[in-house]
PDB file of N, CA and C in Angstrom:
ATOM      1  N   MET A   1      68.809  10.492  44.077  1.00  0.00           N
ATOM      2  CA  MET A   1      69.231  11.616  43.264  1.00  0.00           C
ATOM      3  C   MET A   1      70.216  11.129  42.199  1.00  0.00           C
ATOM      4  N   PRO A   2      70.007  11.524  40.933  1.00  0.00           N
ATOM      5  CA  PRO A   2      70.918  11.100  39.871  1.00  0.00           C
ATOM      6  C   PRO A   2      72.301  11.726  40.028  1.00  0.00           C
ATOM      7  N   PRO A   3      73.326  11.030  39.557  1.00  0.00           N
ATOM      8  CA  PRO A   3      74.676  11.602  39.634  1.00  0.00           C
ATOM      9  C   PRO A   3      74.813  12.799  38.690  1.00  0.00           C
ATOM     10  N   PRO A   4      75.743  13.711  38.984  1.00  0.00           N
ATOM     11  CA  PRO A   4      75.922  14.909  38.151  1.00  0.00           C
ATOM     12  C   PRO A   4      76.242  14.612  36.687  1.00  0.00           C
ATOM     13  N   ILE A   5      76.796  13.448  36.394  1.00  0.00           N
ATOM     14  CA  ILE A   5      77.130  13.097  35.010  1.00  0.00           C
ATOM     15  C   ILE A   5      75.875  13.063  34.142  1.00  0.00           C
ATOM     16  N   LEU A   6      74.712  12.880  34.757  1.00  0.00           N
ATOM     17  CA  LEU A   6      73.468  12.812  33.992  1.00  0.00           C
ATOM     18  C   LEU A   6      72.866  14.183  33.701  1.00  0.00           C
ATOM     19  N   LEU A   7      73.560  15.245  34.108  1.00  0.00           N
ATOM     20  CA  LEU A   7      73.086  16.590  33.757  1.00  0.00           C
ATOM     21  C   LEU A   7      73.196  16.827  32.249  1.00  0.00           C
ATOM     22  N   ALA A   8      74.245  16.328  31.622  1.00  0.00           N
ATOM     23  CA  ALA A   8      74.422  16.516  30.174  1.00  0.00           C
ATOM     24  C   ALA A   8      73.287  15.858  29.386  1.00  0.00           C
ATOM     25  N   PRO A   9      72.945  14.592  29.650  1.00  0.00           N
ATOM     26  CA  PRO A   9      71.803  14.012  28.942  1.00  0.00           C
ATOM     27  C   PRO A   9      70.490  14.739  29.231  1.00  0.00           C
ATOM     28  N   ALA A  10      70.291  15.180  30.464  1.00  0.00           N
ATOM     29  CA  ALA A  10      69.061  15.902  30.803  1.00  0.00           C
ATOM     30  C   ALA A  10      68.994  17.222  30.041  1.00  0.00           C
ATOM     31  N   PHE A  11      70.129  17.929  29.957  1.00  0.00           N
ATOM     32  CA  PHE A  11      70.156  19.191  29.218  1.00  0.00           C
ATOM     33  C   PHE A  11      69.916  18.948  27.731  1.00  0.00           C
ATOM     34  N   ALA A  12      70.528  17.895  27.176  1.00  0.00           N
ATOM     35  CA  ALA A  12      70.328  17.575  25.759  1.00  0.00           C
ATOM     36  C   ALA A  12      68.861  17.278  25.480  1.00  0.00           C
ATOM     37  N   LEU A  13      68.206  16.570  26.383  1.00  0.00           N
ATOM     38  CA  LEU A  13      66.778  16.295  26.214  1.00  0.00           C
ATOM     39  C   LEU A  13      65.951  17.574  26.322  1.00  0.00           C
ATOM     40  N   ALA A  14      66.334  18.469  27.237  1.00  0.00           N
ATOM     41  CA  ALA A  14      65.597  19.723  27.384  1.00  0.00           C
ATOM     42  C   ALA A  14      65.691  20.568  26.113  1.00  0.00           C
ATOM     43  N   VAL A  15      66.867  20.605  25.507  1.00  0.00           N
ATOM     44  CA  VAL A  15      67.040  21.355  24.252  1.00  0.00           C
ATOM     45  C   VAL A  15      66.215  20.699  23.144  1.00  0.00           C
ATOM     46  N   LEU A  16      66.202  19.381  23.109  1.00  0.00           N
ATOM     47  CA  LEU A  16      65.391  18.672  22.123  1.00  0.00           C
ATOM     48  C   LEU A  16      63.906  18.957  22.351  1.00  0.00           C
ATOM     49  N   GLY A  17      63.495  19.012  23.604  1.00  0.00           N
ATOM     50  CA  GLY A  17      62.112  19.349  23.918  1.00  0.00           C
ATOM     51  C   GLY A  17      61.755  20.752  23.456  1.00  0.00           C
ATOM     52  N   ALA A  18      62.675  21.694  23.607  1.00  0.00           N
ATOM     53  CA  ALA A  18      62.436  23.054  23.134  1.00  0.00           C
ATOM     54  C   ALA A  18      62.304  23.083  21.614  1.00  0.00           C
ATOM     55  N   HIS A  19      63.099  22.260  20.951  1.00  0.00           N
ATOM     56  CA  HIS A  19      63.014  22.144  19.485  1.00  0.00           C
ATOM     57  C   HIS A  19      61.620  21.644  19.080  1.00  0.00           C
ATOM     58  N   PHE A  20      61.144  20.602  19.745  1.00  0.00           N
ATOM     59  CA  PHE A  20      59.816  20.068  19.442  1.00  0.00           C
ATOM     60  C   PHE A  20      58.723  21.078  19.783  1.00  0.00           C
ATOM     61  N   TYR A  21      58.896  21.795  20.881  1.00  0.00           N
ATOM     62  CA  TYR A  21      57.911  22.802  21.285  1.00  0.00           C
ATOM     63  C   TYR A  21      57.815  23.905  20.234  1.00  0.00           C
ATOM     64  N   ARG A  22      58.956  24.377  19.756  1.00  0.00           N
ATOM     65  CA  ARG A  22      58.961  25.442  18.756  1.00  0.00           C
ATOM     66  C   ARG A  22      58.288  24.987  17.464  1.00  0.00           C
ATOM     67  N   ALA A  23      58.461  23.708  17.129  1.00  0.00           N
ATOM     68  CA  ALA A  23      57.849  23.152  15.924  1.00  0.00           C
ATOM     69  C   ALA A  23      56.404  22.710  16.169  1.00  0.00           C
ATOM     70  N   GLN A  24      55.914  22.909  17.379  1.00  0.00           N
ATOM     71  CA  GLN A  24      54.575  22.500  17.790  1.00  0.00           C
ATOM     72  C   GLN A  24      54.334  20.999  17.586  1.00  0.00           C
ATOM     73  N   LEU A  25      55.344  20.210  17.884  1.00  0.00           N
ATOM     74  CA  LEU A  25      55.247  18.755  17.835  1.00  0.00           C
ATOM     75  C   LEU A  25      54.990  18.257  19.257  1.00  0.00           C
ATOM     76  N   TRP A  26      53.732  18.281  19.640  1.00  0.00           N
ATOM     77  CA  TRP A  26      53.355  18.053  21.031  1.00  0.00           C
ATOM     78  C   TRP A  26      53.653  16.637  21.493  1.00  0.00           C
ATOM     79  N   ILE A  27      53.577  15.678  20.610  1.00  0.00           N
ATOM     80  CA  ILE A  27      53.920  14.305  20.997  1.00  0.00           C
ATOM     81  C   ILE A  27      55.404  14.221  21.355  1.00  0.00           C
ATOM     82  N   GLY A  28      56.221  14.919  20.574  1.00  0.00           N
ATOM     83  CA  GLY A  28      57.655  14.966  20.872  1.00  0.00           C
ATOM     84  C   GLY A  28      57.933  15.628  22.205  1.00  0.00           C
ATOM     85  N   VAL A  29      57.210  16.703  22.494  1.00  0.00           N
ATOM     86  CA  VAL A  29      57.373  17.394  23.784  1.00  0.00           C
ATOM     87  C   VAL A  29      57.005  16.445  24.921  1.00  0.00           C
ATOM     88  N   GLY A  30      55.880  15.763  24.785  1.00  0.00           N
ATOM     89  CA  GLY A  30      55.456  14.811  25.817  1.00  0.00           C
ATOM     90  C   GLY A  30      56.452  13.681  26.000  1.00  0.00           C
ATOM     91  N   ALA A  31      56.983  13.181  24.891  1.00  0.00           N
ATOM     92  CA  ALA A  31      57.971  12.103  24.972  1.00  0.00           C
ATOM     93  C   ALA A  31      59.224  12.569  25.709  1.00  0.00           C
ATOM     94  N   VAL A  32      59.655  13.781  25.431  1.00  0.00           N
ATOM     95  CA  VAL A  32      60.851  14.305  26.092  1.00  0.00           C
ATOM     96  C   VAL A  32      60.607  14.475  27.587  1.00  0.00           C
ATOM     97  N   VAL A  33      59.434  14.939  27.963  1.00  0.00           N
ATOM     98  CA  VAL A  33      59.119  15.094  29.388  1.00  0.00           C
ATOM     99  C   VAL A  33      59.187  13.735  30.084  1.00  0.00           C
ATOM    100  N   LEU A  34      58.621  12.716  29.458  1.00  0.00           N
ATOM    101  CA  LEU A  34      58.682  11.368  30.041  1.00  0.00           C
ATOM    102  C   LEU A  34      60.112  10.854  30.099  1.00  0.00           C
ATOM    103  N   LEU A  35      60.887  11.146  29.053  1.00  0.00           N
ATOM    104  CA  LEU A  35      62.288  10.707  29.041  1.00  0.00           C
ATOM    105  C   LEU A  35      63.105  11.414  30.116  1.00  0.00           C
ATOM    106  N   LEU A  36      62.791  12.674  30.371  1.00  0.00           N
ATOM    107  CA  LEU A  36      63.485  13.379  31.458  1.00  0.00           C
ATOM    108  C   LEU A  36      63.221  12.700  32.800  1.00  0.00           C
ATOM    109  N   ALA A  37      62.034  12.158  32.951  1.00  0.00           N
ATOM    110  CA  ALA A  37      61.704  11.459  34.198  1.00  0.00           C
ATOM    111  C   ALA A  37      62.526  10.187  34.355  1.00  0.00           C
ATOM    112  N   THR A  38      62.935   9.565  33.241  1.00  0.00           N
ATOM    113  CA  THR A  38      63.713   8.323  33.344  1.00  0.00           C
ATOM    114  C   THR A  38      65.092   8.553  33.944  1.00  0.00           C
ATOM    115  N   VAL A  39      65.552   9.787  33.962  1.00  0.00           N
ATOM    116  CA  VAL A  39      66.842  10.076  34.596  1.00  0.00           C
ATOM    117  C   VAL A  39      66.783   9.711  36.086  1.00  0.00           C
ATOM    118  N   PHE A  40      65.607   9.782  36.674  1.00  0.00           N
ATOM    119  CA  PHE A  40      65.444   9.494  38.098  1.00  0.00           C
ATOM    120  C   PHE A  40      65.117   8.028  38.382  1.00  0.00           C
ATOM    121  N   VAL A  41      64.882   7.243  37.341  1.00  0.00           N
ATOM    122  CA  VAL A  41      64.537   5.835  37.525  1.00  0.00           C
ATOM    123  C   VAL A  41      65.813   5.018  37.654  1.00  0.00           C
ATOM    124  N   LYS A  42      65.896   4.236  38.714  1.00  0.00           N
ATOM    125  CA  LYS A  42      67.088   3.419  38.948  1.00  0.00           C
ATOM    126  C   LYS A  42      66.845   2.003  38.434  1.00  0.00           C
ATOM    127  N   ALA A  43      66.769   1.888  37.112  1.00  0.00           N
ATOM    128  CA  ALA A  43      66.572   0.592  36.471  1.00  0.00           C
ATOM    129  C   ALA A  43      67.387   0.544  35.185  1.00  0.00           C
ATOM    130  N   ARG A  44      67.853  -0.646  34.844  1.00  0.00           N
ATOM    131  CA  ARG A  44      68.691  -0.803  33.662  1.00  0.00           C
ATOM    132  C   ARG A  44      67.977  -0.347  32.388  1.00  0.00           C
ATOM    133  N   TRP A  45      66.686  -0.665  32.278  1.00  0.00           N
ATOM    134  CA  TRP A  45      65.940  -0.305  31.073  1.00  0.00           C
ATOM    135  C   TRP A  45      65.893   1.210  30.890  1.00  0.00           C
ATOM    136  N   ALA A  46      65.896   1.965  31.983  1.00  0.00           N
ATOM    137  CA  ALA A  46      65.837   3.424  31.889  1.00  0.00           C
ATOM    138  C   ALA A  46      67.107   3.978  31.252  1.00  0.00           C
ATOM    139  N   GLY A  47      68.249   3.420  31.625  1.00  0.00           N
ATOM    140  CA  GLY A  47      69.504   3.848  31.023  1.00  0.00           C
ATOM    141  C   GLY A  47      69.565   3.524  29.536  1.00  0.00           C
ATOM    142  N   ILE A  48      69.096   2.341  29.176  1.00  0.00           N
ATOM    143  CA  ILE A  48      69.082   1.945  27.761  1.00  0.00           C
ATOM    144  C   ILE A  48      68.132   2.840  26.978  1.00  0.00           C
ATOM    145  N   LEU A  49      66.952   3.075  27.521  1.00  0.00           N
ATOM    146  CA  LEU A  49      65.973   3.940  26.861  1.00  0.00           C
ATOM    147  C   LEU A  49      66.531   5.347  26.675  1.00  0.00           C
ATOM    148  N   LEU A  50      67.215   5.849  27.676  1.00  0.00           N
ATOM    149  CA  LEU A  50      67.798   7.181  27.609  1.00  0.00           C
ATOM    150  C   LEU A  50      68.856   7.250  26.506  1.00  0.00           C
ATOM    151  N   GLN A  51      69.692   6.238  26.418  1.00  0.00           N
ATOM    152  CA  GLN A  51      70.715   6.203  25.359  1.00  0.00           C
ATOM    153  C   GLN A  51      70.086   6.168  23.972  1.00  0.00           C
ATOM    154  N   VAL A  52      69.113   5.326  23.780  1.00  0.00           N
ATOM    155  CA  VAL A  52      68.440   5.219  22.479  1.00  0.00           C
ATOM    156  C   VAL A  52      67.781   6.545  22.116  1.00  0.00           C
ATOM    157  N   ALA A  53      67.134   7.165  23.084  1.00  0.00           N
ATOM    158  CA  ALA A  53      66.467   8.446  22.835  1.00  0.00           C
ATOM    159  C   ALA A  53      67.469   9.532  22.463  1.00  0.00           C
ATOM    160  N   LEU A  54      68.621   9.550  23.104  1.00  0.00           N
ATOM    161  CA  LEU A  54      69.625  10.571  22.796  1.00  0.00           C
ATOM    162  C   LEU A  54      70.229  10.365  21.408  1.00  0.00           C
ATOM    163  N   VAL A  55      70.456   9.130  21.015  1.00  0.00           N
ATOM    164  CA  VAL A  55      70.948   8.862  19.656  1.00  0.00           C
ATOM    165  C   VAL A  55      69.880   9.269  18.638  1.00  0.00           C
ATOM    166  N   ALA A  56      68.620   8.942  18.924  1.00  0.00           N
ATOM    167  CA  ALA A  56      67.526   9.367  18.036  1.00  0.00           C
ATOM    168  C   ALA A  56      67.436  10.890  17.995  1.00  0.00           C
ATOM    169  N   GLY A  57      67.671  11.538  19.124  1.00  0.00           N
ATOM    170  CA  GLY A  57      67.668  12.994  19.167  1.00  0.00           C
ATOM    171  C   GLY A  57      68.771  13.587  18.305  1.00  0.00           C
ATOM    172  N   ALA A  58      69.956  12.977  18.333  1.00  0.00           N
ATOM    173  CA  ALA A  58      71.056  13.446  17.483  1.00  0.00           C
ATOM    174  C   ALA A  58      70.686  13.298  16.013  1.00  0.00           C
ATOM    175  N   LEU A  59      70.035  12.202  15.673  1.00  0.00           N
ATOM    176  CA  LEU A  59      69.590  12.012  14.285  1.00  0.00           C
ATOM    177  C   LEU A  59      68.533  13.048  13.897  1.00  0.00           C
ATOM    178  N   GLU A  60      67.677  13.413  14.841  1.00  0.00           N
ATOM    179  CA  GLU A  60      66.680  14.452  14.581  1.00  0.00           C
ATOM    180  C   GLU A  60      67.365  15.790  14.309  1.00  0.00           C
ATOM    181  N   TRP A  61      68.418  16.103  15.044  1.00  0.00           N
ATOM    182  CA  TRP A  61      69.146  17.348  14.793  1.00  0.00           C
ATOM    183  C   TRP A  61      69.794  17.337  13.415  1.00  0.00           C
ATOM    184  N   ILE A  62      70.309  16.190  13.001  1.00  0.00           N
ATOM    185  CA  ILE A  62      70.911  16.085  11.667  1.00  0.00           C
ATOM    186  C   ILE A  62      69.838  16.252  10.591  1.00  0.00           C
ATOM    187  N   ARG A  63      68.671  15.621  10.796  1.00  0.00           N
ATOM    188  CA  ARG A  63      67.565  15.769   9.850  1.00  0.00           C
ATOM    189  C   ARG A  63      67.110  17.220   9.755  1.00  0.00           C
ATOM    190  N   THR A  64      67.006  17.868  10.899  1.00  0.00           N
ATOM    191  CA  THR A  64      66.600  19.265  10.931  1.00  0.00           C
ATOM    192  C   THR A  64      67.621  20.142  10.219  1.00  0.00           C
ATOM    193  N   ALA A  65      68.898  19.882  10.460  1.00  0.00           N
ATOM    194  CA  ALA A  65      69.951  20.655   9.799  1.00  0.00           C
ATOM    195  C   ALA A  65      69.852  20.503   8.290  1.00  0.00           C
ATOM    196  N   ALA A  66      69.653  19.278   7.824  1.00  0.00           N
ATOM    197  CA  ALA A  66      69.552  19.048   6.375  1.00  0.00           C
ATOM    198  C   ALA A  66      68.360  19.794   5.783  1.00  0.00           C
ATOM    199  N   ALA A  67      67.241  19.782   6.495  1.00  0.00           N
ATOM    200  CA  ALA A  67      66.049  20.481   5.998  1.00  0.00           C
ATOM    201  C   ALA A  67      66.273  21.989   5.953  1.00  0.00           C
ATOM    202  N   PHE A  68      66.851  22.531   7.019  1.00  0.00           N
ATOM    203  CA  PHE A  68      67.099  23.982   7.056  1.00  0.00           C
ATOM    204  C   PHE A  68      68.143  24.401   6.023  1.00  0.00           C
ATOM    205  N   ILE A  69      69.160  23.573   5.832  1.00  0.00           N
ATOM    206  CA  ILE A  69      70.189  23.877   4.835  1.00  0.00           C
ATOM    207  C   ILE A  69      69.575  23.905   3.443  1.00  0.00           C
ATOM    208  N   ALA A  70      68.689  22.964   3.152  1.00  0.00           N
ATOM    209  CA  ALA A  70      68.029  22.931   1.845  1.00  0.00           C
ATOM    210  C   ALA A  70      67.235  24.209   1.602  1.00  0.00           C
ATOM    211  N   VAL A  71      66.547  24.686   2.635  1.00  0.00           N
ATOM    212  CA  VAL A  71      65.781  25.929   2.502  1.00  0.00           C
ATOM    213  C   VAL A  71      66.719  27.104   2.270  1.00  0.00           C
ATOM    214  N   ARG A  72      67.788  27.166   3.042  1.00  0.00           N
ATOM    215  CA  ARG A  72      68.744  28.270   2.878  1.00  0.00           C
ATOM    216  C   ARG A  72      69.380  28.249   1.494  1.00  0.00           C
ATOM    217  N   GLU A  73      69.749  27.070   1.013  1.00  0.00           N
ATOM    218  CA  GLU A  73      70.355  26.974  -0.320  1.00  0.00           C
ATOM    219  C   GLU A  73      69.379  27.410  -1.402  1.00  0.00           C
ATOM    220  N   SER A  74      68.120  27.035  -1.247  1.00  0.00           N
ATOM    221  CA  SER A  74      67.129  27.378  -2.270  1.00  0.00           C
ATOM    222  C   SER A  74      66.853  28.878  -2.336  1.00  0.00           C
ATOM    223  N   THR A  75      67.090  29.564  -1.236  1.00  0.00           N
ATOM    224  CA  THR A  75      66.881  31.013  -1.225  1.00  0.00           C
ATOM    225  C   THR A  75      68.175  31.791  -1.410  1.00  0.00           C
ATOM    226  N   GLY A  76      69.277  31.080  -1.591  1.00  0.00           N
ATOM    227  CA  GLY A  76      70.556  31.732  -1.819  1.00  0.00           C
ATOM    228  C   GLY A  76      71.201  32.299  -0.570  1.00  0.00           C
ATOM    229  N   GLN A  77      70.732  31.892   0.601  1.00  0.00           N
ATOM    230  CA  GLN A  77      71.299  32.375   1.858  1.00  0.00           C
ATOM    231  C   GLN A  77      72.472  31.507   2.286  1.00  0.00           C
ATOM    232  N   SER A  78      73.336  32.079   3.106  1.00  0.00           N
ATOM    233  CA  SER A  78      74.456  31.332   3.666  1.00  0.00           C
ATOM    234  C   SER A  78      73.930  30.296   4.665  1.00  0.00           C
ATOM    235  N   TRP A  79      74.507  29.122   4.647  1.00  0.00           N
ATOM    236  CA  TRP A  79      74.046  28.074   5.547  1.00  0.00           C
ATOM    237  C   TRP A  79      75.171  27.493   6.400  1.00  0.00           C
ATOM    238  N   THR A  80      76.383  28.024   6.260  1.00  0.00           N
ATOM    239  CA  THR A  80      77.532  27.475   6.969  1.00  0.00           C
ATOM    240  C   THR A  80      77.375  27.575   8.489  1.00  0.00           C
ATOM    241  N   ARG A  81      77.001  28.727   8.987  1.00  0.00           N
ATOM    242  CA  ARG A  81      76.856  28.911  10.429  1.00  0.00           C
ATOM    243  C   ARG A  81      75.760  28.000  10.974  1.00  0.00           C
ATOM    244  N   LEU A  82      74.655  27.894  10.238  1.00  0.00           N
ATOM    245  CA  LEU A  82      73.565  27.001  10.626  1.00  0.00           C
ATOM    246  C   LEU A  82      74.062  25.564  10.751  1.00  0.00           C
ATOM    247  N   ALA A  83      74.834  25.130   9.761  1.00  0.00           N
ATOM    248  CA  ALA A  83      75.347  23.760   9.777  1.00  0.00           C
ATOM    249  C   ALA A  83      76.296  23.540  10.957  1.00  0.00           C
ATOM    250  N   LEU A  84      77.122  24.521  11.257  1.00  0.00           N
ATOM    251  CA  LEU A  84      78.045  24.390  12.386  1.00  0.00           C
ATOM    252  C   LEU A  84      77.293  24.320  13.717  1.00  0.00           C
ATOM    253  N   ILE A  85      76.303  25.167  13.865  1.00  0.00           N
ATOM    254  CA  ILE A  85      75.558  25.181  15.130  1.00  0.00           C
ATOM    255  C   ILE A  85      74.774  23.889  15.323  1.00  0.00           C
ATOM    256  N   LEU A  86      73.997  23.501  14.318  1.00  0.00           N
ATOM    257  CA  LEU A  86      73.186  22.286  14.469  1.00  0.00           C
ATOM    258  C   LEU A  86      74.049  21.026  14.476  1.00  0.00           C
ATOM    259  N   GLY A  87      75.165  21.057  13.766  1.00  0.00           N
ATOM    260  CA  GLY A  87      76.103  19.930  13.825  1.00  0.00           C
ATOM    261  C   GLY A  87      76.689  19.771  15.220  1.00  0.00           C
ATOM    262  N   THR A  88      77.001  20.892  15.844  1.00  0.00           N
ATOM    263  CA  THR A  88      77.516  20.856  17.217  1.00  0.00           C
ATOM    264  C   THR A  88      76.454  20.353  18.182  1.00  0.00           C
ATOM    265  N   VAL A  89      75.225  20.806  18.019  1.00  0.00           N
ATOM    266  CA  VAL A  89      74.136  20.341  18.881  1.00  0.00           C
ATOM    267  C   VAL A  89      73.936  18.835  18.707  1.00  0.00           C
ATOM    268  N   ALA A  90      73.982  18.365  17.467  1.00  0.00           N
ATOM    269  CA  ALA A  90      73.837  16.924  17.209  1.00  0.00           C
ATOM    270  C   ALA A  90      74.984  16.141  17.850  1.00  0.00           C
ATOM    271  N   ALA A  91      76.198  16.652  17.716  1.00  0.00           N
ATOM    272  CA  ALA A  91      77.357  15.964  18.291  1.00  0.00           C
ATOM    273  C   ALA A  91      77.285  15.934  19.816  1.00  0.00           C
ATOM    274  N   LEU A  92      76.885  17.031  20.429  1.00  0.00           N
ATOM    275  CA  LEU A  92      76.780  17.061  21.886  1.00  0.00           C
ATOM    276  C   LEU A  92      75.644  16.171  22.392  1.00  0.00           C
ATOM    277  N   THR A  93      74.570  16.093  21.617  1.00  0.00           N
ATOM    278  CA  THR A  93      73.475  15.195  21.992  1.00  0.00           C
ATOM    279  C   THR A  93      73.944  13.742  21.933  1.00  0.00           C
ATOM    280  N   ALA A  94      74.665  13.404  20.872  1.00  0.00           N
ATOM    281  CA  ALA A  94      75.204  12.039  20.760  1.00  0.00           C
ATOM    282  C   ALA A  94      76.225  11.770  21.864  1.00  0.00           C
ATOM    283  N   ALA A  95      77.061  12.760  22.157  1.00  0.00           N
ATOM    284  CA  ALA A  95      78.064  12.586  23.217  1.00  0.00           C
ATOM    285  C   ALA A  95      77.402  12.416  24.584  1.00  0.00           C
ATOM    286  N   SER A  96      76.259  13.035  24.779  1.00  0.00           N
ATOM    287  CA  SER A  96      75.580  12.882  26.067  1.00  0.00           C
ATOM    288  C   SER A  96      75.059  11.456  26.249  1.00  0.00           C
ATOM    289  N   ALA A  97      74.840  10.757  25.140  1.00  0.00           N
ATOM    290  CA  ALA A  97      74.471   9.340  25.251  1.00  0.00           C
ATOM    291  C   ALA A  97      75.631   8.537  25.836  1.00  0.00           C
ATOM    292  N   LEU A  98      76.851   8.983  25.547  1.00  0.00           N
ATOM    293  CA  LEU A  98      78.019   8.307  26.123  1.00  0.00           C
ATOM    294  C   LEU A  98      78.113   8.535  27.625  1.00  0.00           C
ATOM    295  N   ALA A  99      77.615   9.674  28.092  1.00  0.00           N
ATOM    296  CA  ALA A  99      77.630   9.948  29.530  1.00  0.00           C
ATOM    297  C   ALA A  99      76.784   8.920  30.282  1.00  0.00           C
ATOM    298  N   VAL A 100      75.760   8.413  29.627  1.00  0.00           N
ATOM    299  CA  VAL A 100      74.902   7.401  30.257  1.00  0.00           C
ATOM    300  C   VAL A 100      75.666   6.086  30.418  1.00  0.00           C
ATOM    301  N   ARG A 101      76.732   5.909  29.650  1.00  0.00           N
ATOM    302  CA  ARG A 101      77.548   4.698  29.735  1.00  0.00           C
ATOM    303  C   ARG A 101      78.675   4.818  30.754  1.00  0.00           C
ATOM    304  N   SER A 102      78.810   5.973  31.401  1.00  0.00           N
ATOM    305  CA  SER A 102      79.876   6.154  32.386  1.00  0.00           C
ATOM    306  C   SER A 102      79.646   5.226  33.581  1.00  0.00           C
ATOM    307  N   ALA A 103      80.699   5.001  34.330  1.00  0.00           N
ATOM    308  CA  ALA A 103      80.614   4.094  35.478  1.00  0.00           C
ATOM    309  C   ALA A 103      79.597   4.591  36.516  1.00  0.00           C
ATOM    310  N   ARG A 104      79.617   5.882  36.777  1.00  0.00           N
ATOM    311  CA  ARG A 104      78.681   6.433  37.778  1.00  0.00           C
ATOM    312  C   ARG A 104      77.235   6.308  37.313  1.00  0.00           C
ATOM    313  N   ALA A 105      76.997   6.569  36.030  1.00  0.00           N
ATOM    314  CA  ALA A 105      75.638   6.448  35.514  1.00  0.00           C
ATOM    315  C   ALA A 105      75.198   4.989  35.496  1.00  0.00           C
ATOM    316  N   ARG A 106      76.102   4.094  35.141  1.00  0.00           N
ATOM    317  CA  ARG A 106      75.741   2.665  35.137  1.00  0.00           C
ATOM    318  C   ARG A 106      75.390   2.194  36.538  1.00  0.00           C
ATOM    319  N   ARG A 107      76.119   2.682  37.530  1.00  0.00           N
ATOM    320  CA  ARG A 107      75.786   2.327  38.931  1.00  0.00           C
ATOM    321  C   ARG A 107      74.393   2.868  39.277  1.00  0.00           C
ATOM    322  N   HIS A 108      74.117   4.083  38.827  1.00  0.00           N
ATOM    323  CA  HIS A 108      72.806   4.678  39.108  1.00  0.00           C
ATOM    324  C   HIS A 108      71.670   3.846  38.498  1.00  0.00           C
ATOM    325  N   PHE A 109      71.891   3.398  37.270  1.00  0.00           N
ATOM    326  CA  PHE A 109      70.850   2.634  36.571  1.00  0.00           C
ATOM    327  C   PHE A 109      70.898   1.137  36.913  1.00  0.00           C
ATOM    328  N   GLY A 110      71.822   0.762  37.766  1.00  0.00           N
ATOM    329  CA  GLY A 110      71.883  -0.630  38.227  1.00  0.00           C
ATOM    330  C   GLY A 110      72.447  -1.600  37.215  1.00  0.00           C
ATOM    331  N   ALA A 111      73.286  -1.114  36.307  1.00  0.00           N
ATOM    332  CA  ALA A 111      73.881  -2.009  35.295  1.00  0.00           C
ATOM    333  C   ALA A 111      75.246  -2.460  35.754  1.00  0.00           C
TER     334      ALA A 111
END
């Protein structure tokens, strides 16, 4: 059983999976499902893969925020709240990658 510290990365991946599902990006959904399974794998490569995926996920949130902000600006709508929400999601996704570097998570992944 994974340590509780890995709940944050698992939740961040689940939110990213919901983002891909809403956008109908089925390959992204499948990738997230496989990445969620790596939380249960007790191997060093799984921890590294999870960290890389979470950093990539944070970059995806930033890309999405930029795209949505551009649309809002072009239509004259306010985009501040959107930027704050997606910026927070990106920051929490990136921070969850740090949880994989915790001592308990490293022990779980055998590093």
